[in-house]
PDB file of all heavy atoms in Angstrom:
ATOM      1  N   PRO A   1    -105.664-146.562  45.520  1.00  0.00           N
ATOM      2  CA  PRO A   1    -106.526-146.173  46.640  1.00  0.00           C
ATOM      3  C   PRO A   1    -107.102-147.364  47.406  1.00  0.00           C
ATOM      4  O   PRO A   1    -107.466-147.229  48.554  1.00  0.00           O
ATOM      5  CB  PRO A   1    -107.628-145.347  45.977  1.00  0.00           C
ATOM      6  CG  PRO A   1    -107.626-145.788  44.558  1.00  0.00           C
ATOM      7  CD  PRO A   1    -106.208-146.158  44.237  1.00  0.00           C
ATOM      8  N   ASP A   2    -107.187-148.512  46.767  1.00  0.00           N
ATOM      9  CA  ASP A   2    -107.729-149.698  47.430  1.00  0.00           C
ATOM     10  C   ASP A   2    -106.617-150.636  47.870  1.00  0.00           C
ATOM     11  O   ASP A   2    -106.805-151.834  47.980  1.00  0.00           O
ATOM     12  CB  ASP A   2    -108.677-150.443  46.485  1.00  0.00           C
ATOM     13  CG  ASP A   2    -109.799-149.555  45.994  1.00  0.00           C
ATOM     14  OD1 ASP A   2    -110.241-148.686  46.763  1.00  0.00           O
ATOM     15  OD2 ASP A   2    -110.220-149.713  44.842  1.00  0.00           O
ATOM     16  N   ALA A   3    -105.448-150.099  48.103  1.00  0.00           N
ATOM     17  CA  ALA A   3    -104.263-150.908  48.371  1.00  0.00           C
ATOM     18  C   ALA A   3    -104.369-151.651  49.689  1.00  0.00           C
ATOM     19  O   ALA A   3    -104.938-151.161  50.656  1.00  0.00           O
ATOM     20  CB  ALA A   3    -103.022-150.020  48.385  1.00  0.00           C
ATOM     21  N   TYR A   4    -103.797-152.831  49.685  1.00  0.00           N
ATOM     22  CA  TYR A   4    -103.602-153.595  50.903  1.00  0.00           C
ATOM     23  C   TYR A   4    -102.550-152.852  51.704  1.00  0.00           C
ATOM     24  O   TYR A   4    -101.401-152.746  51.290  1.00  0.00           O
ATOM     25  CB  TYR A   4    -103.155-155.011  50.533  1.00  0.00           C
ATOM     26  CG  TYR A   4    -102.855-155.904  51.703  1.00  0.00           C
ATOM     27  CD1 TYR A   4    -103.875-156.305  52.560  1.00  0.00           C
ATOM     28  CD2 TYR A   4    -101.578-156.357  51.944  1.00  0.00           C
ATOM     29  CE1 TYR A   4    -103.607-157.143  53.630  1.00  0.00           C
ATOM     30  CE2 TYR A   4    -101.300-157.190  53.005  1.00  0.00           C
ATOM     31  CZ  TYR A   4    -102.315-157.580  53.838  1.00  0.00           C
ATOM     32  OH  TYR A   4    -102.049-158.405  54.904  1.00  0.00           O
ATOM     33  N   ALA A   5    -102.931-152.278  52.845  1.00  0.00           N
ATOM     34  CA  ALA A   5    -102.079-151.349  53.583  1.00  0.00           C
ATOM     35  C   ALA A   5    -101.015-152.038  54.431  1.00  0.00           C
ATOM     36  O   ALA A   5     -99.990-151.449  54.738  1.00  0.00           O
ATOM     37  CB  ALA A   5    -102.945-150.457  54.470  1.00  0.00           C
ATOM     38  N   THR A   6    -101.254-153.271  54.828  1.00  0.00           N
ATOM     39  CA  THR A   6    -100.303-153.985  55.659  1.00  0.00           C
ATOM     40  C   THR A   6     -99.128-154.436  54.797  1.00  0.00           C
ATOM     41  O   THR A   6     -99.320-154.765  53.639  1.00  0.00           O
ATOM     42  CB  THR A   6    -101.006-155.211  56.289  1.00  0.00           C
ATOM     43  OG1 THR A   6    -102.131-154.755  57.025  1.00  0.00           O
ATOM     44  CG2 THR A   6    -100.086-155.966  57.228  1.00  0.00           C
ATOM     45  N   PRO A   7     -97.918-154.482  55.348  1.00  0.00           N
ATOM     46  CA  PRO A   7     -96.807-155.014  54.550  1.00  0.00           C
ATOM     47  C   PRO A   7     -97.125-156.412  54.022  1.00  0.00           C
ATOM     48  O   PRO A   7     -97.809-157.187  54.693  1.00  0.00           O
ATOM     49  CB  PRO A   7     -95.644-155.060  55.547  1.00  0.00           C
ATOM     50  CG  PRO A   7     -95.993-154.051  56.578  1.00  0.00           C
ATOM     51  CD  PRO A   7     -97.499-154.059  56.667  1.00  0.00           C
ATOM     52  N   ARG A   8     -96.650-156.712  52.825  1.00  0.00           N
ATOM     53  CA  ARG A   8     -96.932-158.023  52.204  1.00  0.00           C
ATOM     54  C   ARG A   8     -96.437-159.174  53.069  1.00  0.00           C
ATOM     55  O   ARG A   8     -97.019-160.240  53.077  1.00  0.00           O
ATOM     56  CB  ARG A   8     -96.314-158.097  50.827  1.00  0.00           C
ATOM     57  CG  ARG A   8     -96.988-157.193  49.820  1.00  0.00           C
ATOM     58  CD  ARG A   8     -96.367-157.310  48.453  1.00  0.00           C
ATOM     59  NE  ARG A   8     -96.647-158.570  47.828  1.00  0.00           N
ATOM     60  CZ  ARG A   8     -97.637-158.785  46.962  1.00  0.00           C
ATOM     61  NH1 ARG A   8     -98.432-157.800  46.638  1.00  0.00           N
ATOM     62  NH2 ARG A   8     -97.825-159.975  46.440  1.00  0.00           N
ATOM     63  N   VAL A   9     -95.346-158.988  53.774  1.00  0.00           N
ATOM     64  CA  VAL A   9     -94.807-159.991  54.687  1.00  0.00           C
ATOM     65  C   VAL A   9     -94.646-159.309  56.035  1.00  0.00           C
ATOM     66  O   VAL A   9     -93.934-158.319  56.154  1.00  0.00           O
ATOM     67  CB  VAL A   9     -93.434-160.518  54.191  1.00  0.00           C
ATOM     68  CG1 VAL A   9     -92.872-161.518  55.184  1.00  0.00           C
ATOM     69  CG2 VAL A   9     -93.564-161.116  52.807  1.00  0.00           C
ATOM     70  N   GLN A  10     -95.353-159.842  57.033  1.00  0.00           N
ATOM     71  CA  GLN A  10     -95.298-159.214  58.353  1.00  0.00           C
ATOM     72  C   GLN A  10     -95.160-160.277  59.428  1.00  0.00           C
ATOM     73  O   GLN A  10     -96.018-161.147  59.569  1.00  0.00           O
ATOM     74  CB  GLN A  10     -96.557-158.392  58.599  1.00  0.00           C
ATOM     75  CG  GLN A  10     -96.544-157.695  59.935  1.00  0.00           C
ATOM     76  CD  GLN A  10     -97.719-156.753  60.109  1.00  0.00           C
ATOM     77  OE1 GLN A  10     -98.268-156.255  59.151  1.00  0.00           O
ATOM     78  NE2 GLN A  10     -98.097-156.513  61.335  1.00  0.00           N
ATOM     79  N   SER A  11     -94.079-160.200  60.190  1.00  0.00           N
ATOM     80  CA  SER A  11     -93.887-161.090  61.331  1.00  0.00           C
ATOM     81  C   SER A  11     -94.631-160.523  62.525  1.00  0.00           C
ATOM     82  O   SER A  11     -94.704-159.308  62.694  1.00  0.00           O
ATOM     83  CB  SER A  11     -92.403-161.206  61.675  1.00  0.00           C
ATOM     84  OG  SER A  11     -91.705-161.807  60.622  1.00  0.00           O
ATOM     85  N   VAL A  12     -95.171-161.408  63.345  1.00  0.00           N
ATOM     86  CA  VAL A  12     -95.783-161.012  64.609  1.00  0.00           C
ATOM     87  C   VAL A  12     -95.242-161.932  65.695  1.00  0.00           C
ATOM     88  O   VAL A  12     -94.832-163.058  65.413  1.00  0.00           O
ATOM     89  CB  VAL A  12     -97.336-161.048  64.562  1.00  0.00           C
ATOM     90  CG1 VAL A  12     -97.869-160.018  63.606  1.00  0.00           C
ATOM     91  CG2 VAL A  12     -97.849-162.411  64.189  1.00  0.00           C
ATOM     92  N   SER A  13     -95.227-161.475  66.919  1.00  0.00           N
ATOM     93  CA  SER A  13     -94.685-162.255  68.028  1.00  0.00           C
ATOM     94  C   SER A  13     -95.796-162.600  69.001  1.00  0.00           C
ATOM     95  O   SER A  13     -95.858-162.075  70.108  1.00  0.00           O
ATOM     96  CB  SER A  13     -93.579-161.474  68.737  1.00  0.00           C
ATOM     97  OG  SER A  13     -92.509-161.258  67.876  1.00  0.00           O
ATOM     98  N   LEU A  14     -96.684-163.470  68.564  1.00  0.00           N
ATOM     99  CA  LEU A  14     -97.782-163.912  69.417  1.00  0.00           C
ATOM    100  C   LEU A  14     -97.576-165.397  69.736  1.00  0.00           C
ATOM    101  O   LEU A  14     -96.821-166.080  69.045  1.00  0.00           O
ATOM    102  CB  LEU A  14     -99.113-163.677  68.707  1.00  0.00           C
ATOM    103  CG  LEU A  14     -99.422-162.207  68.365  1.00  0.00           C
ATOM    104  CD1 LEU A  14    -100.706-162.102  67.557  1.00  0.00           C
ATOM    105  CD2 LEU A  14     -99.512-161.366  69.618  1.00  0.00           C
ATOM    106  N   PRO A  15     -98.244-165.906  70.760  1.00  0.00           N
ATOM    107  CA  PRO A  15     -98.025-167.302  71.135  1.00  0.00           C
ATOM    108  C   PRO A  15     -98.277-168.317  70.008  1.00  0.00           C
ATOM    109  O   PRO A  15     -97.497-169.243  69.829  1.00  0.00           O
ATOM    110  CB  PRO A  15     -99.007-167.515  72.288  1.00  0.00           C
ATOM    111  CG  PRO A  15     -99.198-166.157  72.871  1.00  0.00           C
ATOM    112  CD  PRO A  15     -99.123-165.214  71.710  1.00  0.00           C
ATOM    113  N   SER A  16     -99.341-168.156  69.241  1.00  0.00           N
ATOM    114  CA  SER A  16     -99.679-169.131  68.201  1.00  0.00           C
ATOM    115  C   SER A  16     -99.512-168.606  66.791  1.00  0.00           C
ATOM    116  O   SER A  16     -99.271-169.363  65.870  1.00  0.00           O
ATOM    117  CB  SER A  16    -101.123-169.617  68.379  1.00  0.00           C
ATOM    118  OG  SER A  16    -101.262-170.295  69.603  1.00  0.00           O
ATOM    119  N   LEU A  17     -99.651-167.320  66.581  1.00  0.00           N
ATOM    120  CA  LEU A  17     -99.523-166.714  65.257  1.00  0.00           C
ATOM    121  C   LEU A  17     -98.168-166.025  65.165  1.00  0.00           C
ATOM    122  O   LEU A  17     -97.836-165.167  65.979  1.00  0.00           O
ATOM    123  CB  LEU A  17    -100.650-165.704  65.022  1.00  0.00           C
ATOM    124  CG  LEU A  17    -100.672-165.003  63.675  1.00  0.00           C
ATOM    125  CD1 LEU A  17    -100.918-165.998  62.548  1.00  0.00           C
ATOM    126  CD2 LEU A  17    -101.748-163.919  63.660  1.00  0.00           C
ATOM    127  N   LYS A  18     -97.385-166.422  64.162  1.00  0.00           N
ATOM    128  CA  LYS A  18     -96.023-165.904  64.026  1.00  0.00           C
ATOM    129  C   LYS A  18     -95.857-164.927  62.869  1.00  0.00           C
ATOM    130  O   LYS A  18     -94.874-164.204  62.808  1.00  0.00           O
ATOM    131  CB  LYS A  18     -95.036-167.066  63.848  1.00  0.00           C
ATOM    132  CG  LYS A  18     -95.059-168.039  65.018  1.00  0.00           C
ATOM    133  CD  LYS A  18     -94.773-167.328  66.315  1.00  0.00           C
ATOM    134  CE  LYS A  18     -94.846-168.262  67.505  1.00  0.00           C
ATOM    135  NZ  LYS A  18     -94.700-167.558  68.764  1.00  0.00           N
ATOM    136  N   GLY A  19     -96.809-164.918  61.927  1.00  0.00           N
ATOM    137  CA  GLY A  19     -96.705-163.984  60.821  1.00  0.00           C
ATOM    138  C   GLY A  19     -97.817-164.174  59.810  1.00  0.00           C
ATOM    139  O   GLY A  19     -98.533-165.175  59.833  1.00  0.00           O
ATOM    140  N   VAL A  20     -97.948-163.192  58.916  1.00  0.00           N
ATOM    141  CA  VAL A  20     -98.938-163.245  57.844  1.00  0.00           C
ATOM    142  C   VAL A  20     -98.279-162.697  56.585  1.00  0.00           C
ATOM    143  O   VAL A  20     -97.477-161.766  56.644  1.00  0.00           O
ATOM    144  CB  VAL A  20    -100.228-162.471  58.212  1.00  0.00           C
ATOM    145  CG1 VAL A  20     -99.940-161.003  58.443  1.00  0.00           C
ATOM    146  CG2 VAL A  20    -101.285-162.645  57.148  1.00  0.00           C
ATOM    147  N   GLU A  21     -98.616-163.316  55.458  1.00  0.00           N
ATOM    148  CA  GLU A  21     -98.037-162.910  54.181  1.00  0.00           C
ATOM    149  C   GLU A  21     -99.110-162.899  53.104  1.00  0.00           C
ATOM    150  O   GLU A  21     -99.883-163.856  52.980  1.00  0.00           O
ATOM    151  CB  GLU A  21     -96.923-163.895  53.792  1.00  0.00           C
ATOM    152  CG  GLU A  21     -96.278-163.594  52.471  1.00  0.00           C
ATOM    153  CD  GLU A  21     -95.154-164.568  52.136  1.00  0.00           C
ATOM    154  OE1 GLU A  21     -94.562-165.154  53.063  1.00  0.00           O
ATOM    155  OE2 GLU A  21     -94.879-164.731  50.939  1.00  0.00           O
ATOM    156  N   LEU A  22     -99.161-161.818  52.344  1.00  0.00           N
ATOM    157  CA  LEU A  22     -99.991-161.773  51.139  1.00  0.00           C
ATOM    158  C   LEU A  22     -99.207-162.546  50.096  1.00  0.00           C
ATOM    159  O   LEU A  22     -98.215-162.062  49.550  1.00  0.00           O
ATOM    160  CB  LEU A  22    -100.242-160.331  50.697  1.00  0.00           C
ATOM    161  CG  LEU A  22    -100.923-160.129  49.350  1.00  0.00           C
ATOM    162  CD1 LEU A  22    -102.272-160.830  49.298  1.00  0.00           C
ATOM    163  CD2 LEU A  22    -101.087-158.655  49.057  1.00  0.00           C
ATOM    164  N   ALA A  23     -99.608-163.792  49.842  1.00  0.00           N
ATOM    165  CA  ALA A  23     -98.820-164.692  49.015  1.00  0.00           C
ATOM    166  C   ALA A  23     -99.106-164.534  47.525  1.00  0.00           C
ATOM    167  O   ALA A  23     -98.181-164.491  46.720  1.00  0.00           O
ATOM    168  CB  ALA A  23     -99.066-166.137  49.444  1.00  0.00           C
ATOM    169  N   ALA A  24    -100.369-164.476  47.144  1.00  0.00           N
ATOM    170  CA  ALA A  24    -100.700-164.446  45.718  1.00  0.00           C
ATOM    171  C   ALA A  24    -102.079-163.843  45.520  1.00  0.00           C
ATOM    172  O   ALA A  24    -102.931-163.883  46.403  1.00  0.00           O
ATOM    173  CB  ALA A  24    -100.661-165.856  45.143  1.00  0.00           C
ATOM    174  N   GLY A  25    -102.300-163.333  44.335  1.00  0.00           N
ATOM    175  CA  GLY A  25    -103.606-162.824  43.946  1.00  0.00           C
ATOM    176  C   GLY A  25    -103.792-163.019  42.455  1.00  0.00           C
ATOM    177  O   GLY A  25    -102.890-162.718  41.668  1.00  0.00           O
ATOM    178  N   TYR A  26    -104.952-163.560  42.066  1.00  0.00           N
ATOM    179  CA  TYR A  26    -105.194-163.827  40.653  1.00  0.00           C
ATOM    180  C   TYR A  26    -106.687-163.921  40.401  1.00  0.00           C
ATOM    181  O   TYR A  26    -107.380-164.728  41.026  1.00  0.00           O
ATOM    182  CB  TYR A  26    -104.493-165.125  40.238  1.00  0.00           C
ATOM    183  CG  TYR A  26    -104.588-165.437  38.777  1.00  0.00           C
ATOM    184  CD1 TYR A  26    -103.874-164.697  37.841  1.00  0.00           C
ATOM    185  CD2 TYR A  26    -105.397-166.465  38.325  1.00  0.00           C
ATOM    186  CE1 TYR A  26    -103.954-164.980  36.489  1.00  0.00           C
ATOM    187  CE2 TYR A  26    -105.481-166.752  36.973  1.00  0.00           C
ATOM    188  CZ  TYR A  26    -104.759-166.013  36.056  1.00  0.00           C
ATOM    189  OH  TYR A  26    -104.848-166.285  34.721  1.00  0.00           O
ATOM    190  N   GLU A  27    -107.201-163.097  39.505  1.00  0.00           N
ATOM    191  CA  GLU A  27    -108.586-163.139  39.024  1.00  0.00           C
ATOM    192  C   GLU A  27    -109.622-163.285  40.143  1.00  0.00           C
ATOM    193  O   GLU A  27    -110.430-164.206  40.148  1.00  0.00           O
ATOM    194  CB  GLU A  27    -108.750-164.255  37.991  1.00  0.00           C
ATOM    195  CG  GLU A  27    -107.984-163.991  36.722  1.00  0.00           C
ATOM    196  CD  GLU A  27    -108.238-165.035  35.648  1.00  0.00           C
ATOM    197  OE1 GLU A  27    -108.924-166.043  35.915  1.00  0.00           O
ATOM    198  OE2 GLU A  27    -107.740-164.837  34.534  1.00  0.00           O
ATOM    199  N   GLY A  28    -109.595-162.364  41.084  1.00  0.00           N
ATOM    200  CA  GLY A  28    -110.604-162.347  42.137  1.00  0.00           C
ATOM    201  C   GLY A  28    -110.354-163.299  43.278  1.00  0.00           C
ATOM    202  O   GLY A  28    -111.215-163.488  44.129  1.00  0.00           O
ATOM    203  N   ASN A  29    -109.176-163.926  43.324  1.00  0.00           N
ATOM    204  CA  ASN A  29    -108.794-164.806  44.426  1.00  0.00           C
ATOM    205  C   ASN A  29    -107.493-164.302  45.017  1.00  0.00           C
ATOM    206  O   ASN A  29    -106.572-163.929  44.288  1.00  0.00           O
ATOM    207  CB  ASN A  29    -108.595-166.243  43.939  1.00  0.00           C
ATOM    208  CG  ASN A  29    -109.864-166.809  43.358  1.00  0.00           C
ATOM    209  OD1 ASN A  29    -110.915-166.773  43.974  1.00  0.00           O
ATOM    210  ND2 ASN A  29    -109.776-167.317  42.141  1.00  0.00           N
ATOM    211  N   VAL A  30    -107.413-164.312  46.333  1.00  0.00           N
ATOM    212  CA  VAL A  30    -106.214-163.871  47.034  1.00  0.00           C
ATOM    213  C   VAL A  30    -105.830-164.962  48.018  1.00  0.00           C
ATOM    214  O   VAL A  30    -106.688-165.550  48.677  1.00  0.00           O
ATOM    215  CB  VAL A  30    -106.469-162.539  47.788  1.00  0.00           C
ATOM    216  CG1 VAL A  30    -105.249-162.118  48.566  1.00  0.00           C
ATOM    217  CG2 VAL A  30    -106.880-161.450  46.820  1.00  0.00           C
ATOM    218  N   THR A  31    -104.527-165.249  48.118  1.00  0.00           N
ATOM    219  CA  THR A  31    -104.029-166.246  49.057  1.00  0.00           C
ATOM    220  C   THR A  31    -103.157-165.564  50.097  1.00  0.00           C
ATOM    221  O   THR A  31    -102.251-164.808  49.753  1.00  0.00           O
ATOM    222  CB  THR A  31    -103.214-167.337  48.341  1.00  0.00           C
ATOM    223  OG1 THR A  31    -104.051-167.961  47.366  1.00  0.00           O
ATOM    224  CG2 THR A  31    -102.706-168.385  49.316  1.00  0.00           C
ATOM    225  N   PHE A  32    -103.457-165.836  51.359  1.00  0.00           N
ATOM    226  CA  PHE A  32    -102.651-165.368  52.472  1.00  0.00           C
ATOM    227  C   PHE A  32    -102.038-166.581  53.149  1.00  0.00           C
ATOM    228  O   PHE A  32    -102.694-167.615  53.296  1.00  0.00           O
ATOM    229  CB  PHE A  32    -103.498-164.608  53.499  1.00  0.00           C
ATOM    230  CG  PHE A  32    -103.939-163.260  53.031  1.00  0.00           C
ATOM    231  CD1 PHE A  32    -105.163-163.089  52.415  1.00  0.00           C
ATOM    232  CD2 PHE A  32    -103.115-162.156  53.205  1.00  0.00           C
ATOM    233  CE1 PHE A  32    -105.571-161.840  51.978  1.00  0.00           C
ATOM    234  CE2 PHE A  32    -103.514-160.906  52.768  1.00  0.00           C
ATOM    235  CZ  PHE A  32    -104.741-160.746  52.149  1.00  0.00           C
ATOM    236  N   GLY A  33    -100.790-166.447  53.566  1.00  0.00           N
ATOM    237  CA  GLY A  33    -100.140-167.489  54.331  1.00  0.00           C
ATOM    238  C   GLY A  33     -99.989-167.042  55.767  1.00  0.00           C
ATOM    239  O   GLY A  33     -99.592-165.905  56.037  1.00  0.00           O
ATOM    240  N   LEU A  34    -100.324-167.925  56.699  1.00  0.00           N
ATOM    241  CA  LEU A  34    -100.170-167.645  58.117  1.00  0.00           C
ATOM    242  C   LEU A  34     -99.121-168.595  58.674  1.00  0.00           C
ATOM    243  O   LEU A  34     -99.221-169.814  58.466  1.00  0.00           O
ATOM    244  CB  LEU A  34    -101.481-167.856  58.873  1.00  0.00           C
ATOM    245  CG  LEU A  34    -102.541-166.773  58.802  1.00  0.00           C
ATOM    246  CD1 LEU A  34    -103.038-166.568  57.393  1.00  0.00           C
ATOM    247  CD2 LEU A  34    -103.689-167.114  59.715  1.00  0.00           C
ATOM    248  N   ALA A  35     -98.107-168.058  59.325  1.00  0.00           N
ATOM    249  CA  ALA A  35     -97.109-168.877  60.003  1.00  0.00           C
ATOM    250  C   ALA A  35     -97.595-169.117  61.420  1.00  0.00           C
ATOM    251  O   ALA A  35     -98.001-168.174  62.113  1.00  0.00           O
ATOM    252  CB  ALA A  35     -95.759-168.172  60.004  1.00  0.00           C
ATOM    253  N   LEU A  36     -97.579-170.373  61.832  1.00  0.00           N
ATOM    254  CA  LEU A  36     -98.092-170.747  63.146  1.00  0.00           C
ATOM    255  C   LEU A  36     -96.972-171.295  64.015  1.00  0.00           C
ATOM    256  O   LEU A  36     -95.953-171.768  63.520  1.00  0.00           O
ATOM    257  CB  LEU A  36     -99.187-171.794  62.993  1.00  0.00           C
ATOM    258  CG  LEU A  36    -100.347-171.438  62.054  1.00  0.00           C
ATOM    259  CD1 LEU A  36    -101.316-172.601  61.936  1.00  0.00           C
ATOM    260  CD2 LEU A  36    -101.050-170.181  62.515  1.00  0.00           C
ATOM    261  N   GLY A  37     -97.209-171.260  65.309  1.00  0.00           N
ATOM    262  CA  GLY A  37     -96.281-171.826  66.279  1.00  0.00           C
ATOM    263  C   GLY A  37     -96.630-173.283  66.536  1.00  0.00           C
ATOM    264  O   GLY A  37     -96.921-174.043  65.617  1.00  0.00           O
ATOM    265  N   ASP A  38     -96.627-173.664  67.819  1.00  0.00           N
ATOM    266  CA  ASP A  38     -96.864-175.056  68.202  1.00  0.00           C
ATOM    267  C   ASP A  38     -98.298-175.521  67.962  1.00  0.00           C
ATOM    268  O   ASP A  38     -98.536-176.691  67.734  1.00  0.00           O
ATOM    269  CB  ASP A  38     -96.527-175.250  69.686  1.00  0.00           C
ATOM    270  CG  ASP A  38     -95.037-175.143  69.937  1.00  0.00           C
ATOM    271  OD1 ASP A  38     -94.265-175.558  69.059  1.00  0.00           O
ATOM    272  OD2 ASP A  38     -94.664-174.630  71.008  1.00  0.00           O
ATOM    273  N   HIS A  39     -99.246-174.612  68.021  1.00  0.00           N
ATOM    274  CA  HIS A  39    -100.644-175.015  67.937  1.00  0.00           C
ATOM    275  C   HIS A  39    -101.233-174.608  66.597  1.00  0.00           C
ATOM    276  O   HIS A  39    -100.944-173.542  66.073  1.00  0.00           O
ATOM    277  CB  HIS A  39    -101.452-174.381  69.081  1.00  0.00           C
ATOM    278  CG  HIS A  39    -100.891-174.734  70.425  1.00  0.00           C
ATOM    279  ND1 HIS A  39    -101.101-175.950  70.999  1.00  0.00           N
ATOM    280  CD2 HIS A  39    -100.112-174.032  71.278  1.00  0.00           C
ATOM    281  CE1 HIS A  39    -100.486-175.993  72.174  1.00  0.00           C
ATOM    282  NE2 HIS A  39     -99.871-174.828  72.362  1.00  0.00           N
ATOM    283  N   SER A  40    -102.060-175.460  66.066  1.00  0.00           N
ATOM    284  CA  SER A  40    -102.624-175.147  64.756  1.00  0.00           C
ATOM    285  C   SER A  40    -104.138-175.333  64.702  1.00  0.00           C
ATOM    286  O   SER A  40    -104.700-175.479  63.637  1.00  0.00           O
ATOM    287  CB  SER A  40    -101.946-175.985  63.673  1.00  0.00           C
ATOM    288  OG  SER A  40    -102.116-177.351  63.941  1.00  0.00           O
ATOM    289  N   GLN A  41    -104.791-175.338  65.838  1.00  0.00           N
ATOM    290  CA  GLN A  41    -106.249-175.402  65.850  1.00  0.00           C
ATOM    291  C   GLN A  41    -106.769-173.987  65.618  1.00  0.00           C
ATOM    292  O   GLN A  41    -106.292-173.028  66.247  1.00  0.00           O
ATOM    293  CB  GLN A  41    -106.731-175.946  67.186  1.00  0.00           C
ATOM    294  CG  GLN A  41    -108.166-176.373  67.180  1.00  0.00           C
ATOM    295  CD  GLN A  41    -108.532-177.074  68.477  1.00  0.00           C
ATOM    296  OE1 GLN A  41    -107.968-176.785  69.524  1.00  0.00           O
ATOM    297  NE2 GLN A  41    -109.466-177.979  68.393  1.00  0.00           N
TER     298      GLN A  41
END
C-alpha cells in the first residue's frame, strides 16, 4: 500500500532532466539517480 508508484526507471524528455531511477534502498535510506543533460546546476 505504501509502494513507490512511479516506475523504478523512468526516462523523461526535458531540457535538463533526462530521467530518474530508484537506485537503492536500505535501512531507512533511499538513493535516487537523476540523469542530466548539458546543465547540472
